[in-house]
Amino acid sequence: MPNYKESTIQGTQYTRCRAVEVLNNYGKVPQVNFQEEQISLFGDEVIRKGLGSINIPYNGSKTITLVNPVDNTPLGKTVTYEEMYVMLYSAYIQEALARDASVSN
């Protein structure tokens, strides 16, 4: 028996990171979680499907090869997870201080 209203469609499908979560629980090894999703594009319709996550325990000496987020070309530079940790911590402190300054004024 054929499928009701079956048709052949064309589209595009790719995987992307939909969220990045940094866990810094007290007394535990920090962890970075990259949550992935599959995007399917059919004309104007977008279908999103969760694919799970990649969970990375913190290793400060591990390197990250930097790529351009627009076209995935390598930038020829690396940073360590320690440098990323310092950047995220600094961003947090900067934003927390700005918030505290606006609340106390």
Protein backbone atom coordinates (compact mmCIF):
# COMPACT_ATOMS: atom_id res chain seq x y z
CA MET A 1 0.00 0.00 0.00
CA PRO A 2 1.46 3.40 -0.94
CA ASN A 3 1.95 6.17 1.64
CA TYR A 4 -0.84 8.73 1.73
CA LYS A 5 0.17 12.01 -0.03
CA GLU A 6 3.75 10.82 -0.48
CA SER A 7 6.03 13.20 -2.33
CA THR A 8 9.72 13.64 -2.98
CA ILE A 9 11.24 16.75 -1.42
CA GLN A 10 14.59 18.47 -1.65
CA GLY A 11 16.33 20.24 1.15
CA THR A 12 19.45 20.74 3.20
CA GLN A 13 20.47 19.05 6.43
CA TYR A 14 23.35 19.80 8.79
CA THR A 15 24.51 19.45 12.39
CA ARG A 16 25.19 22.46 14.60
CA CYS A 17 25.97 23.25 18.21
CA ARG A 18 22.81 24.76 19.72
CA ALA A 19 24.16 25.39 23.22
CA VAL A 20 27.39 25.38 25.16
CA GLU A 21 27.20 24.66 28.87
CA VAL A 22 30.13 25.13 31.24
CA LEU A 23 29.74 23.20 34.48
CA ASN A 24 31.86 24.48 37.33
CA ASN A 25 30.39 22.56 40.26
CA TYR A 26 32.08 23.01 43.60
CA GLY A 27 34.60 20.25 44.33
CA LYS A 28 34.31 18.68 40.88
CA VAL A 29 36.37 18.83 37.70
CA PRO A 30 34.90 21.54 35.42
CA GLN A 31 33.27 20.27 32.25
CA VAL A 32 32.18 21.74 28.91
CA ASN A 33 29.11 20.30 27.21
CA PHE A 34 28.35 21.01 23.55
CA GLN A 35 24.69 20.27 22.78
CA GLU A 36 24.13 19.36 19.14
CA GLU A 37 21.08 19.50 16.93
CA GLN A 38 20.29 18.49 13.38
CA ILE A 39 18.70 21.15 11.18
CA SER A 40 16.65 20.09 8.17
CA LEU A 41 15.57 22.83 5.76
CA PHE A 42 12.79 22.16 3.26
CA GLY A 43 11.87 25.41 1.52
CA ASP A 44 10.61 27.70 4.29
CA GLU A 45 10.19 24.86 6.79
CA VAL A 46 12.84 24.23 9.46
CA ILE A 47 12.89 20.98 11.43
CA ARG A 48 15.15 20.80 14.50
CA LYS A 49 16.12 17.50 16.12
CA GLY A 50 18.25 17.15 19.25
CA LEU A 51 21.25 14.86 18.79
CA GLY A 52 22.72 14.72 22.28
CA SER A 53 25.91 16.28 23.55
CA ILE A 54 29.68 16.07 23.57
CA ASN A 55 30.94 16.22 27.16
CA ILE A 56 34.55 17.32 27.72
CA PRO A 57 36.14 17.12 31.19
CA TYR A 58 38.47 20.06 31.81
CA ASN A 59 42.09 19.56 30.75
CA GLY A 60 43.89 22.91 30.85
CA SER A 61 46.75 21.85 28.58
CA LYS A 62 44.50 20.50 25.79
CA THR A 63 44.58 22.75 22.72
CA ILE A 64 41.73 24.07 20.61
CA THR A 65 42.43 24.74 16.93
CA LEU A 66 40.59 27.94 16.06
CA VAL A 67 38.35 28.00 12.99
CA ASN A 68 36.29 30.77 11.42
CA PRO A 69 32.67 30.25 12.56
CA VAL A 70 31.36 31.59 9.24
CA ASP A 71 33.09 29.14 6.88
CA ASN A 72 35.07 26.67 9.06
CA THR A 73 38.44 27.71 7.61
CA PRO A 74 41.38 27.23 9.99
CA LEU A 75 42.69 30.50 11.45
CA GLY A 76 46.19 29.13 12.01
CA LYS A 77 45.99 29.71 15.76
CA THR A 78 45.38 27.61 18.83
CA VAL A 79 44.40 28.31 22.43
CA THR A 80 44.44 26.02 25.42
CA TYR A 81 41.45 25.09 27.53
CA GLU A 82 43.20 27.03 30.32
CA GLU A 83 43.17 30.19 28.18
CA MET A 84 39.49 29.61 27.38
CA TYR A 85 38.77 29.11 31.09
CA VAL A 86 40.52 32.41 31.89
CA MET A 87 38.51 34.20 29.18
CA LEU A 88 35.18 32.83 30.42
CA TYR A 89 36.04 33.55 34.05
CA SER A 90 37.07 37.10 33.11
CA ALA A 91 33.82 37.59 31.16
CA TYR A 92 31.86 36.42 34.21
CA ILE A 93 33.73 38.74 36.61
CA GLN A 94 33.33 41.70 34.23
CA GLU A 95 29.58 41.14 33.86
CA ALA A 96 29.06 40.44 37.57
CA LEU A 97 30.87 43.68 38.51
CA ALA A 98 28.83 45.65 35.95
CA ARG A 99 25.61 44.15 37.31
CA ASP A 100 26.62 44.89 40.90
CA ALA A 101 27.54 48.48 40.01
CA SER A 102 24.15 49.07 38.37
CA VAL A 103 22.28 47.57 41.34
CA SER A 104 24.13 49.65 43.93
CA ASN A 105 23.58 52.96 42.08
